[in-house]
Amino acid sequence: MADQPATLGQAIAQARKAKGLSQKELAEKIMREDGEGSVSAQYLNDIEHDRRAPSSDHMIGEFVRVLGLGENYLYYLADRVPASVRKMALSPDEVELWVSAAFRRSGPTKKGR
């Protein structure tokens, strides 16, 4: 079993390679938010090497769509909260409860932690 990617860039690169796509081919499939074409191969390269992060929820959605990765997994690796959760307008106390329930108490643990 291959090691799990530690970063969003690693996850995208791993999924791209598993699909047999070059960076240029993947970049051509990732549509910009304005709908005016695709992202550049350099932008994708920067994301894969963790020099940049996807600029919006739309970009994360595009990687989900094209690579078939789990949306929640990519948001987790991007250190972002999905828009659907942000729209819940949670109070600070509700956020604390949500994070505790989702990650601290019931989340998976690594050995030695």
PDB file of N, CA and C in Angstrom:
ATOM      1  N   MET A   1       0.837  -1.174   0.000  1.00  0.00           N
ATOM      2  CA  MET A   1       0.000   0.000   0.000  1.00  0.00           C
ATOM      3  C   MET A   1       0.884   1.241   0.000  1.00  0.00           C
ATOM      4  N   ALA A   2       0.613   2.167  -0.888  1.00  0.00           N
ATOM      5  CA  ALA A   2       1.408   3.389  -0.991  1.00  0.00           C
ATOM      6  C   ALA A   2       1.104   4.311   0.186  1.00  0.00           C
ATOM      7  N   ASP A   3       2.106   5.082   0.554  1.00  0.00           N
ATOM      8  CA  ASP A   3       1.898   6.058   1.619  1.00  0.00           C
ATOM      9  C   ASP A   3       0.846   7.069   1.200  1.00  0.00           C
ATOM     10  N   GLN A   4       0.069   7.517   2.184  1.00  0.00           N
ATOM     11  CA  GLN A   4      -0.922   8.547   1.932  1.00  0.00           C
ATOM     12  C   GLN A   4      -0.207   9.871   1.721  1.00  0.00           C
ATOM     13  N   PRO A   5      -0.670  10.662   0.772  1.00  0.00           N
ATOM     14  CA  PRO A   5      -0.048  11.973   0.568  1.00  0.00           C
ATOM     15  C   PRO A   5      -0.219  12.850   1.803  1.00  0.00           C
ATOM     16  N   ALA A   6       0.815  13.620   2.096  1.00  0.00           N
ATOM     17  CA  ALA A   6       0.781  14.497   3.270  1.00  0.00           C
ATOM     18  C   ALA A   6       0.264  15.883   2.934  1.00  0.00           C
ATOM     19  N   THR A   7       0.259  16.233   1.662  1.00  0.00           N
ATOM     20  CA  THR A   7      -0.163  17.572   1.251  1.00  0.00           C
ATOM     21  C   THR A   7      -1.162  17.485   0.101  1.00  0.00           C
ATOM     22  N   LEU A   8      -1.846  18.577  -0.116  1.00  0.00           N
ATOM     23  CA  LEU A   8      -2.781  18.660  -1.240  1.00  0.00           C
ATOM     24  C   LEU A   8      -2.038  18.456  -2.561  1.00  0.00           C
ATOM     25  N   GLY A   9      -0.899  19.099  -2.699  1.00  0.00           N
ATOM     26  CA  GLY A   9      -0.122  18.952  -3.931  1.00  0.00           C
ATOM     27  C   GLY A   9       0.270  17.517  -4.201  1.00  0.00           C
ATOM     28  N   GLN A  10       0.688  16.813  -3.159  1.00  0.00           N
ATOM     29  CA  GLN A  10       1.068  15.409  -3.321  1.00  0.00           C
ATOM     30  C   GLN A  10      -0.131  14.561  -3.726  1.00  0.00           C
ATOM     31  N   ALA A  11      -1.293  14.847  -3.144  1.00  0.00           N
ATOM     32  CA  ALA A  11      -2.503  14.087  -3.489  1.00  0.00           C
ATOM     33  C   ALA A  11      -2.881  14.311  -4.944  1.00  0.00           C
ATOM     34  N   ILE A  12      -2.797  15.538  -5.402  1.00  0.00           N
ATOM     35  CA  ILE A  12      -3.139  15.843  -6.792  1.00  0.00           C
ATOM     36  C   ILE A  12      -2.148  15.177  -7.735  1.00  0.00           C
ATOM     37  N   ALA A  13      -0.857  15.275  -7.428  1.00  0.00           N
ATOM     38  CA  ALA A  13       0.164  14.655  -8.281  1.00  0.00           C
ATOM     39  C   ALA A  13      -0.020  13.142  -8.333  1.00  0.00           C
ATOM     40  N   GLN A  14      -0.280  12.529  -7.184  1.00  0.00           N
ATOM     41  CA  GLN A  14      -0.458  11.079  -7.122  1.00  0.00           C
ATOM     42  C   GLN A  14      -1.671  10.646  -7.950  1.00  0.00           C
ATOM     43  N   ALA A  15      -2.784  11.365  -7.806  1.00  0.00           N
ATOM     44  CA  ALA A  15      -4.002  11.028  -8.562  1.00  0.00           C
ATOM     45  C   ALA A  15      -3.802  11.261 -10.059  1.00  0.00           C
ATOM     46  N   ARG A  16      -3.107  12.339 -10.404  1.00  0.00           N
ATOM     47  CA  ARG A  16      -2.836  12.626 -11.822  1.00  0.00           C
ATOM     48  C   ARG A  16      -2.025  11.495 -12.452  1.00  0.00           C
ATOM     49  N   LYS A  17      -0.978  11.086 -11.769  1.00  0.00           N
ATOM     50  CA  LYS A  17      -0.115  10.014 -12.287  1.00  0.00           C
ATOM     51  C   LYS A  17      -0.878   8.693 -12.382  1.00  0.00           C
ATOM     52  N   ALA A  18      -1.736   8.422 -11.399  1.00  0.00           N
ATOM     53  CA  ALA A  18      -2.532   7.196 -11.421  1.00  0.00           C
ATOM     54  C   ALA A  18      -3.466   7.158 -12.627  1.00  0.00           C
ATOM     55  N   LYS A  19      -3.903   8.328 -13.075  1.00  0.00           N
ATOM     56  CA  LYS A  19      -4.776   8.417 -14.251  1.00  0.00           C
ATOM     57  C   LYS A  19      -3.982   8.490 -15.553  1.00  0.00           C
ATOM     58  N   GLY A  20      -2.647   8.503 -15.453  1.00  0.00           N
ATOM     59  CA  GLY A  20      -1.801   8.531 -16.640  1.00  0.00           C
ATOM     60  C   GLY A  20      -1.801   9.866 -17.363  1.00  0.00           C
ATOM     61  N   LEU A  21      -2.049  10.944 -16.630  1.00  0.00           N
ATOM     62  CA  LEU A  21      -2.101  12.273 -17.230  1.00  0.00           C
ATOM     63  C   LEU A  21      -0.801  13.026 -16.993  1.00  0.00           C
ATOM     64  N   SER A  22      -0.377  13.789 -17.983  1.00  0.00           N
ATOM     65  CA  SER A  22       0.740  14.710 -17.788  1.00  0.00           C
ATOM     66  C   SER A  22       0.195  15.953 -17.085  1.00  0.00           C
ATOM     67  N   GLN A  23       1.086  16.790 -16.582  1.00  0.00           N
ATOM     68  CA  GLN A  23       0.619  18.045 -15.978  1.00  0.00           C
ATOM     69  C   GLN A  23      -0.116  18.881 -17.010  1.00  0.00           C
ATOM     70  N   LYS A  24       0.379  18.917 -18.219  1.00  0.00           N
ATOM     71  CA  LYS A  24      -0.275  19.713 -19.265  1.00  0.00           C
ATOM     72  C   LYS A  24      -1.682  19.184 -19.550  1.00  0.00           C
ATOM     73  N   GLU A  25      -1.822  17.861 -19.618  1.00  0.00           N
ATOM     74  CA  GLU A  25      -3.142  17.280 -19.882  1.00  0.00           C
ATOM     75  C   GLU A  25      -4.124  17.585 -18.752  1.00  0.00           C
ATOM     76  N   LEU A  26      -3.654  17.459 -17.509  1.00  0.00           N
ATOM     77  CA  LEU A  26      -4.544  17.765 -16.389  1.00  0.00           C
ATOM     78  C   LEU A  26      -4.899  19.244 -16.380  1.00  0.00           C
ATOM     79  N   ALA A  27      -3.918  20.094 -16.589  1.00  0.00           N
ATOM     80  CA  ALA A  27      -4.169  21.541 -16.583  1.00  0.00           C
ATOM     81  C   ALA A  27      -5.242  21.910 -17.610  1.00  0.00           C
ATOM     82  N   GLU A  28      -5.235  21.250 -18.744  1.00  0.00           N
ATOM     83  CA  GLU A  28      -6.224  21.537 -19.797  1.00  0.00           C
ATOM     84  C   GLU A  28      -7.638  21.135 -19.384  1.00  0.00           C
ATOM     85  N   LYS A  29      -7.754  20.225 -18.426  1.00  0.00           N
ATOM     86  CA  LYS A  29      -9.070  19.758 -17.973  1.00  0.00           C
ATOM     87  C   LYS A  29      -9.613  20.577 -16.799  1.00  0.00           C
ATOM     88  N   ILE A  30      -8.747  21.315 -16.116  1.00  0.00           N
ATOM     89  CA  ILE A  30      -9.142  22.106 -14.954  1.00  0.00           C
ATOM     90  C   ILE A  30      -9.589  23.484 -15.430  1.00  0.00           C
ATOM     91  N   MET A  31     -10.872  23.741 -15.341  1.00  0.00           N
ATOM     92  CA  MET A  31     -11.424  24.993 -15.849  1.00  0.00           C
ATOM     93  C   MET A  31     -11.328  26.104 -14.809  1.00  0.00           C
ATOM     94  N   ARG A  32     -10.969  27.275 -15.288  1.00  0.00           N
ATOM     95  CA  ARG A  32     -10.904  28.445 -14.404  1.00  0.00           C
ATOM     96  C   ARG A  32     -12.307  28.830 -13.960  1.00  0.00           C
ATOM     97  N   GLU A  33     -12.362  29.552 -12.866  1.00  0.00           N
ATOM     98  CA  GLU A  33     -13.638  29.953 -12.287  1.00  0.00           C
ATOM     99  C   GLU A  33     -14.445  30.845 -13.218  1.00  0.00           C
ATOM    100  N   ASP A  34     -13.750  31.658 -14.008  1.00  0.00           N
ATOM    101  CA  ASP A  34     -14.456  32.565 -14.915  1.00  0.00           C
ATOM    102  C   ASP A  34     -14.963  31.863 -16.171  1.00  0.00           C
ATOM    103  N   GLY A  35     -14.651  30.564 -16.304  1.00  0.00           N
ATOM    104  CA  GLY A  35     -15.108  29.808 -17.462  1.00  0.00           C
ATOM    105  C   GLY A  35     -14.395  30.154 -18.756  1.00  0.00           C
ATOM    106  N   GLU A  36     -13.358  30.945 -18.657  1.00  0.00           N
ATOM    107  CA  GLU A  36     -12.641  31.417 -19.846  1.00  0.00           C
ATOM    108  C   GLU A  36     -11.455  30.527 -20.212  1.00  0.00           C
ATOM    109  N   GLY A  37     -11.550  29.259 -19.964  1.00  0.00           N
ATOM    110  CA  GLY A  37     -10.474  28.349 -20.340  1.00  0.00           C
ATOM    111  C   GLY A  37      -9.923  27.607 -19.142  1.00  0.00           C
ATOM    112  N   SER A  38      -8.797  26.983 -19.373  1.00  0.00           N
ATOM    113  CA  SER A  38      -8.204  26.133 -18.353  1.00  0.00           C
ATOM    114  C   SER A  38      -7.051  26.836 -17.647  1.00  0.00           C
ATOM    115  N   VAL A  39      -6.550  26.183 -16.596  1.00  0.00           N
ATOM    116  CA  VAL A  39      -5.405  26.727 -15.871  1.00  0.00           C
ATOM    117  C   VAL A  39      -4.126  26.392 -16.640  1.00  0.00           C
ATOM    118  N   SER A  40      -3.057  27.054 -16.287  1.00  0.00           N
ATOM    119  CA  SER A  40      -1.779  26.789 -16.942  1.00  0.00           C
ATOM    120  C   SER A  40      -1.087  25.600 -16.297  1.00  0.00           C
ATOM    121  N   ALA A  41      -0.225  24.964 -17.069  1.00  0.00           N
ATOM    122  CA  ALA A  41       0.568  23.857 -16.535  1.00  0.00           C
ATOM    123  C   ALA A  41       1.481  24.359 -15.422  1.00  0.00           C
ATOM    124  N   GLN A  42       1.967  25.589 -15.509  1.00  0.00           N
ATOM    125  CA  GLN A  42       2.829  26.144 -14.460  1.00  0.00           C
ATOM    126  C   GLN A  42       2.057  26.312 -13.154  1.00  0.00           C
ATOM    127  N   TYR A  43       0.816  26.771 -13.239  1.00  0.00           N
ATOM    128  CA  TYR A  43      -0.037  26.897 -12.046  1.00  0.00           C
ATOM    129  C   TYR A  43      -0.210  25.525 -11.394  1.00  0.00           C
ATOM    130  N   LEU A  44      -0.510  24.509 -12.199  1.00  0.00           N
ATOM    131  CA  LEU A  44      -0.665  23.156 -11.678  1.00  0.00           C
ATOM    132  C   LEU A  44       0.646  22.659 -11.067  1.00  0.00           C
ATOM    133  N   ASN A  45       1.761  22.922 -11.729  1.00  0.00           N
ATOM    134  CA  ASN A  45       3.064  22.522 -11.203  1.00  0.00           C
ATOM    135  C   ASN A  45       3.303  23.150  -9.838  1.00  0.00           C
ATOM    136  N   ASP A  46       2.971  24.429  -9.713  1.00  0.00           N
ATOM    137  CA  ASP A  46       3.138  25.121  -8.428  1.00  0.00           C
ATOM    138  C   ASP A  46       2.268  24.488  -7.340  1.00  0.00           C
ATOM    139  N   ILE A  47       1.043  24.092  -7.681  1.00  0.00           N
ATOM    140  CA  ILE A  47       0.163  23.440  -6.708  1.00  0.00           C
ATOM    141  C   ILE A  47       0.749  22.079  -6.314  1.00  0.00           C
ATOM    142  N   GLU A  48       1.178  21.297  -7.301  1.00  0.00           N
ATOM    143  CA  GLU A  48       1.712  19.968  -7.005  1.00  0.00           C
ATOM    144  C   GLU A  48       2.974  20.029  -6.146  1.00  0.00           C
ATOM    145  N   HIS A  49       3.725  21.099  -6.278  1.00  0.00           N
ATOM    146  CA  HIS A  49       4.950  21.243  -5.484  1.00  0.00           C
ATOM    147  C   HIS A  49       4.731  22.121  -4.244  1.00  0.00           C
ATOM    148  N   ASP A  50       3.472  22.358  -3.914  1.00  0.00           N
ATOM    149  CA  ASP A  50       3.074  23.081  -2.696  1.00  0.00           C
ATOM    150  C   ASP A  50       3.648  24.489  -2.622  1.00  0.00           C
ATOM    151  N   ARG A  51       3.852  25.102  -3.778  1.00  0.00           N
ATOM    152  CA  ARG A  51       4.262  26.510  -3.820  1.00  0.00           C
ATOM    153  C   ARG A  51       3.046  27.435  -3.866  1.00  0.00           C
ATOM    154  N   ARG A  52       1.895  26.886  -4.251  1.00  0.00           N
ATOM    155  CA  ARG A  52       0.627  27.614  -4.301  1.00  0.00           C
ATOM    156  C   ARG A  52      -0.478  26.681  -3.833  1.00  0.00           C
ATOM    157  N   ALA A  53      -1.578  27.272  -3.424  1.00  0.00           N
ATOM    158  CA  ALA A  53      -2.773  26.504  -3.080  1.00  0.00           C
ATOM    159  C   ALA A  53      -3.863  26.879  -4.080  1.00  0.00           C
ATOM    160  N   PRO A  54      -4.808  25.987  -4.320  1.00  0.00           N
ATOM    161  CA  PRO A  54      -5.922  26.365  -5.195  1.00  0.00           C
ATOM    162  C   PRO A  54      -6.548  27.657  -4.696  1.00  0.00           C
ATOM    163  N   SER A  55      -6.853  28.544  -5.627  1.00  0.00           N
ATOM    164  CA  SER A  55      -7.290  29.892  -5.271  1.00  0.00           C
ATOM    165  C   SER A  55      -8.726  29.986  -4.772  1.00  0.00           C
ATOM    166  N   SER A  56      -9.515  28.934  -4.940  1.00  0.00           N
ATOM    167  CA  SER A  56     -10.931  29.032  -4.572  1.00  0.00           C
ATOM    168  C   SER A  56     -11.529  27.650  -4.359  1.00  0.00           C
ATOM    169  N   ASP A  57     -12.729  27.648  -3.804  1.00  0.00           N
ATOM    170  CA  ASP A  57     -13.484  26.403  -3.673  1.00  0.00           C
ATOM    171  C   ASP A  57     -13.728  25.803  -5.057  1.00  0.00           C
ATOM    172  N   HIS A  58     -13.918  26.666  -6.050  1.00  0.00           N
ATOM    173  CA  HIS A  58     -14.136  26.194  -7.415  1.00  0.00           C
ATOM    174  C   HIS A  58     -12.971  25.328  -7.877  1.00  0.00           C
ATOM    175  N   MET A  59     -11.750  25.770  -7.609  1.00  0.00           N
ATOM    176  CA  MET A  59     -10.566  25.015  -8.035  1.00  0.00           C
ATOM    177  C   MET A  59     -10.508  23.654  -7.348  1.00  0.00           C
ATOM    178  N   ILE A  60     -10.808  23.615  -6.069  1.00  0.00           N
ATOM    179  CA  ILE A  60     -10.832  22.324  -5.377  1.00  0.00           C
ATOM    180  C   ILE A  60     -11.879  21.425  -6.024  1.00  0.00           C
ATOM    181  N   GLY A  61     -13.033  22.001  -6.340  1.00  0.00           N
ATOM    182  CA  GLY A  61     -14.083  21.245  -7.017  1.00  0.00           C
ATOM    183  C   GLY A  61     -13.659  20.714  -8.370  1.00  0.00           C
ATOM    184  N   GLU A  62     -12.854  21.461  -9.071  1.00  0.00           N
ATOM    185  CA  GLU A  62     -12.360  21.010 -10.371  1.00  0.00           C
ATOM    186  C   GLU A  62     -11.431  19.804 -10.212  1.00  0.00           C
ATOM    187  N   PHE A  63     -10.581  19.823  -9.200  1.00  0.00           N
ATOM    188  CA  PHE A  63      -9.710  18.666  -8.961  1.00  0.00           C
ATOM    189  C   PHE A  63     -10.541  17.453  -8.547  1.00  0.00           C
ATOM    190  N   VAL A  64     -11.592  17.674  -7.764  1.00  0.00           N
ATOM    191  CA  VAL A  64     -12.507  16.595  -7.396  1.00  0.00           C
ATOM    192  C   VAL A  64     -13.136  16.021  -8.657  1.00  0.00           C
ATOM    193  N   ARG A  65     -13.659  16.888  -9.511  1.00  0.00           N
ATOM    194  CA  ARG A  65     -14.356  16.470 -10.732  1.00  0.00           C
ATOM    195  C   ARG A  65     -13.439  15.694 -11.667  1.00  0.00           C
ATOM    196  N   VAL A  66     -12.276  16.216 -11.935  1.00  0.00           N
ATOM    197  CA  VAL A  66     -11.402  15.623 -12.940  1.00  0.00           C
ATOM    198  C   VAL A  66     -10.664  14.390 -12.411  1.00  0.00           C
ATOM    199  N   LEU A  67     -10.225  14.441 -11.169  1.00  0.00           N
ATOM    200  CA  LEU A  67      -9.407  13.351 -10.644  1.00  0.00           C
ATOM    201  C   LEU A  67     -10.197  12.313  -9.854  1.00  0.00           C
ATOM    202  N   GLY A  68     -11.461  12.632  -9.534  1.00  0.00           N
ATOM    203  CA  GLY A  68     -12.284  11.692  -8.793  1.00  0.00           C
ATOM    204  C   GLY A  68     -11.877  11.539  -7.334  1.00  0.00           C
ATOM    205  N   LEU A  69     -11.239  12.559  -6.794  1.00  0.00           N
ATOM    206  CA  LEU A  69     -10.838  12.540  -5.386  1.00  0.00           C
ATOM    207  C   LEU A  69     -12.006  12.986  -4.513  1.00  0.00           C
ATOM    208  N   GLY A  70     -11.978  12.612  -3.259  1.00  0.00           N
ATOM    209  CA  GLY A  70     -13.024  13.006  -2.328  1.00  0.00           C
ATOM    210  C   GLY A  70     -12.935  14.487  -1.997  1.00  0.00           C
ATOM    211  N   GLU A  71     -14.060  15.175  -2.085  1.00  0.00           N
ATOM    212  CA  GLU A  71     -14.088  16.604  -1.821  1.00  0.00           C
ATOM    213  C   GLU A  71     -13.655  16.919  -0.391  1.00  0.00           C
ATOM    214  N   ASN A  72     -14.204  16.200   0.581  1.00  0.00           N
ATOM    215  CA  ASN A  72     -13.834  16.465   1.974  1.00  0.00           C
ATOM    216  C   ASN A  72     -12.355  16.213   2.212  1.00  0.00           C
ATOM    217  N   TYR A  73     -11.807  15.193   1.575  1.00  0.00           N
ATOM    218  CA  TYR A  73     -10.383  14.887   1.703  1.00  0.00           C
ATOM    219  C   TYR A  73      -9.527  16.036   1.177  1.00  0.00           C
ATOM    220  N   LEU A  74      -9.892  16.578   0.020  1.00  0.00           N
ATOM    221  CA  LEU A  74      -9.106  17.689  -0.538  1.00  0.00           C
ATOM    222  C   LEU A  74      -9.229  18.938   0.327  1.00  0.00           C
ATOM    223  N   TYR A  75     -10.414  19.214   0.837  1.00  0.00           N
ATOM    224  CA  TYR A  75     -10.561  20.364   1.747  1.00  0.00           C
ATOM    225  C   TYR A  75      -9.701  20.166   2.992  1.00  0.00           C
ATOM    226  N   TYR A  76      -9.680  18.959   3.499  1.00  0.00           N
ATOM    227  CA  TYR A  76      -8.846  18.649   4.665  1.00  0.00           C
ATOM    228  C   TYR A  76      -7.375  18.921   4.353  1.00  0.00           C
ATOM    229  N   LEU A  77      -6.888  18.409   3.220  1.00  0.00           N
ATOM    230  CA  LEU A  77      -5.487  18.616   2.856  1.00  0.00           C
ATOM    231  C   LEU A  77      -5.181  20.085   2.567  1.00  0.00           C
ATOM    232  N   ALA A  78      -6.179  20.828   2.109  1.00  0.00           N
ATOM    233  CA  ALA A  78      -5.990  22.248   1.804  1.00  0.00           C
ATOM    234  C   ALA A  78      -6.129  23.132   3.046  1.00  0.00           C
ATOM    235  N   ASP A  79      -6.392  22.520   4.193  1.00  0.00           N
ATOM    236  CA  ASP A  79      -6.616  23.282   5.436  1.00  0.00           C
ATOM    237  C   ASP A  79      -7.756  24.275   5.279  1.00  0.00           C
ATOM    238  N   ARG A  80      -8.809  23.850   4.607  1.00  0.00           N
ATOM    239  CA  ARG A  80      -9.957  24.719   4.376  1.00  0.00           C
ATOM    240  C   ARG A  80     -11.235  24.028   4.819  1.00  0.00           C
ATOM    241  N   VAL A  81     -12.212  24.826   5.124  1.00  0.00           N
ATOM    242  CA  VAL A  81     -13.537  24.322   5.471  1.00  0.00           C
ATOM    243  C   VAL A  81     -14.405  24.475   4.223  1.00  0.00           C
ATOM    244  N   PRO A  82     -15.125  23.420   3.837  1.00  0.00           N
ATOM    245  CA  PRO A  82     -15.985  23.522   2.654  1.00  0.00           C
ATOM    246  C   PRO A  82     -17.002  24.662   2.778  1.00  0.00           C
ATOM    247  N   ALA A  83     -17.343  25.253   1.652  1.00  0.00           N
ATOM    248  CA  ALA A  83     -18.298  26.365   1.620  1.00  0.00           C
ATOM    249  C   ALA A  83     -19.628  25.968   2.258  1.00  0.00           C
ATOM    250  N   SER A  84     -20.053  24.729   2.060  1.00  0.00           N
ATOM    251  CA  SER A  84     -21.335  24.292   2.629  1.00  0.00           C
ATOM    252  C   SER A  84     -21.322  24.384   4.151  1.00  0.00           C
ATOM    253  N   VAL A  85     -20.168  24.157   4.765  1.00  0.00           N
ATOM    254  CA  VAL A  85     -20.066  24.277   6.217  1.00  0.00           C
ATOM    255  C   VAL A  85     -19.975  25.745   6.616  1.00  0.00           C
ATOM    256  N   ARG A  86     -19.200  26.530   5.861  1.00  0.00           N
ATOM    257  CA  ARG A  86     -19.079  27.959   6.170  1.00  0.00           C
ATOM    258  C   ARG A  86     -20.437  28.655   6.098  1.00  0.00           C
ATOM    259  N   LYS A  87     -21.303  28.216   5.184  1.00  0.00           N
ATOM    260  CA  LYS A  87     -22.619  28.842   5.011  1.00  0.00           C
ATOM    261  C   LYS A  87     -23.570  28.536   6.163  1.00  0.00           C
ATOM    262  N   MET A  88     -23.202  27.634   7.033  1.00  0.00           N
ATOM    263  CA  MET A  88     -24.065  27.283   8.161  1.00  0.00           C
ATOM    264  C   MET A  88     -24.122  28.403   9.191  1.00  0.00           C
ATOM    265  N   ALA A  89     -23.249  29.384   9.084  1.00  0.00           N
ATOM    266  CA  ALA A  89     -23.212  30.526   9.994  1.00  0.00           C
ATOM    267  C   ALA A  89     -23.177  30.057  11.453  1.00  0.00           C
ATOM    268  N   LEU A  90     -22.243  29.196  11.746  1.00  0.00           N
ATOM    269  CA  LEU A  90     -22.109  28.663  13.103  1.00  0.00           C
ATOM    270  C   LEU A  90     -21.526  29.715  14.039  1.00  0.00           C
ATOM    271  N   SER A  91     -21.955  29.658  15.270  1.00  0.00           N
ATOM    272  CA  SER A  91     -21.388  30.538  16.293  1.00  0.00           C
ATOM    273  C   SER A  91     -20.008  29.998  16.677  1.00  0.00           C
ATOM    274  N   PRO A  92     -19.184  30.801  17.341  1.00  0.00           N
ATOM    275  CA  PRO A  92     -17.877  30.289  17.779  1.00  0.00           C
ATOM    276  C   PRO A  92     -17.996  29.013  18.616  1.00  0.00           C
ATOM    277  N   ASP A  93     -18.971  28.962  19.505  1.00  0.00           N
ATOM    278  CA  ASP A  93     -19.154  27.766  20.326  1.00  0.00           C
ATOM    279  C   ASP A  93     -19.555  26.553  19.480  1.00  0.00           C
ATOM    280  N   GLU A  94     -20.415  26.775  18.497  1.00  0.00           N
ATOM    281  CA  GLU A  94     -20.834  25.682  17.615  1.00  0.00           C
ATOM    282  C   GLU A  94     -19.661  25.167  16.777  1.00  0.00           C
ATOM    283  N   VAL A  95     -18.783  26.084  16.354  1.00  0.00           N
ATOM    284  CA  VAL A  95     -17.594  25.666  15.605  1.00  0.00           C
ATOM    285  C   VAL A  95     -16.715  24.790  16.485  1.00  0.00           C
ATOM    286  N   GLU A  96     -16.508  25.194  17.720  1.00  0.00           N
ATOM    287  CA  GLU A  96     -15.698  24.398  18.646  1.00  0.00           C
ATOM    288  C   GLU A  96     -16.288  23.001  18.822  1.00  0.00           C
ATOM    289  N   LEU A  97     -17.596  22.912  18.991  1.00  0.00           N
ATOM    290  CA  LEU A  97     -18.249  21.613  19.136  1.00  0.00           C
ATOM    291  C   LEU A  97     -18.116  20.776  17.875  1.00  0.00           C
ATOM    292  N   TRP A  98     -18.296  21.399  16.714  1.00  0.00           N
ATOM    293  CA  TRP A  98     -18.199  20.696  15.439  1.00  0.00           C
ATOM    294  C   TRP A  98     -16.797  20.141  15.237  1.00  0.00           C
ATOM    295  N   VAL A  99     -15.777  20.955  15.477  1.00  0.00           N
ATOM    296  CA  VAL A  99     -14.397  20.507  15.295  1.00  0.00           C
ATOM    297  C   VAL A  99     -14.078  19.392  16.288  1.00  0.00           C
ATOM    298  N   SER A 100     -14.481  19.559  17.538  1.00  0.00           N
ATOM    299  CA  SER A 100     -14.228  18.526  18.538  1.00  0.00           C
ATOM    300  C   SER A 100     -14.882  17.207  18.156  1.00  0.00           C
ATOM    301  N   ALA A 101     -16.122  17.274  17.722  1.00  0.00           N
ATOM    302  CA  ALA A 101     -16.841  16.055  17.357  1.00  0.00           C
ATOM    303  C   ALA A 101     -16.260  15.422  16.095  1.00  0.00           C
ATOM    304  N   ALA A 102     -15.905  16.249  15.140  1.00  0.00           N
ATOM    305  CA  ALA A 102     -15.446  15.732  13.856  1.00  0.00           C
ATOM    306  C   ALA A 102     -14.003  15.252  13.880  1.00  0.00           C
ATOM    307  N   PHE A 103     -13.154  15.910  14.655  1.00  0.00           N
ATOM    308  CA  PHE A 103     -11.732  15.610  14.544  1.00  0.00           C
ATOM    309  C   PHE A 103     -11.079  15.139  15.831  1.00  0.00           C
ATOM    310  N   ARG A 104     -11.389  15.746  16.919  1.00  0.00           N
ATOM    311  CA  ARG A 104     -10.626  15.451  18.133  1.00  0.00           C
ATOM    312  C   ARG A 104     -11.057  14.176  18.823  1.00  0.00           C
ATOM    313  N   ARG A 105     -12.346  13.956  18.932  1.00  0.00           N
ATOM    314  CA  ARG A 105     -12.816  12.797  19.691  1.00  0.00           C
ATOM    315  C   ARG A 105     -12.969  11.559  18.838  1.00  0.00           C
ATOM    316  N   SER A 106     -13.499  11.723  17.637  1.00  0.00           N
ATOM    317  CA  SER A 106     -13.830  10.542  16.842  1.00  0.00           C
ATOM    318  C   SER A 106     -12.947  10.392  15.616  1.00  0.00           C
ATOM    319  N   GLY A 107     -12.057  11.323  15.387  1.00  0.00           N
ATOM    320  CA  GLY A 107     -11.227  11.249  14.198  1.00  0.00           C
ATOM    321  C   GLY A 107     -10.179  10.171  14.306  1.00  0.00           C
ATOM    322  N   PRO A 108      -9.649   9.749  13.161  1.00  0.00           N
ATOM    323  CA  PRO A 108      -8.615   8.726  13.172  1.00  0.00           C
ATOM    324  C   PRO A 108      -7.364   9.241  13.875  1.00  0.00           C
ATOM    325  N   THR A 109      -6.656   8.351  14.499  1.00  0.00           N
ATOM    326  CA  THR A 109      -5.423   8.735  15.173  1.00  0.00           C
ATOM    327  C   THR A 109      -4.263   7.991  14.550  1.00  0.00           C
ATOM    328  N   LYS A 110      -3.106   8.597  14.620  1.00  0.00           N
ATOM    329  CA  LYS A 110      -1.882   7.965  14.132  1.00  0.00           C
ATOM    330  C   LYS A 110      -1.178   7.335  15.316  1.00  0.00           C
ATOM    331  N   LYS A 111      -0.451   6.276  15.077  1.00  0.00           N
ATOM    332  CA  LYS A 111       0.309   5.643  16.146  1.00  0.00           C
ATOM    333  C   LYS A 111       1.277   6.646  16.732  1.00  0.00           C
ATOM    334  N   GLY A 112       1.389   6.620  18.036  1.00  0.00           N
ATOM    335  CA  GLY A 112       2.336   7.496  18.710  1.00  0.00           C
ATOM    336  C   GLY A 112       1.814   8.890  18.970  1.00  0.00           C
ATOM    337  N   ARG A 113       0.556   9.153  18.656  1.00  0.00           N
ATOM    338  CA  ARG A 113      -0.001  10.489  18.893  1.00  0.00           C
ATOM    339  C   ARG A 113      -1.035  10.443  19.965  1.00  0.00           C
TER     340      ARG A 113
END
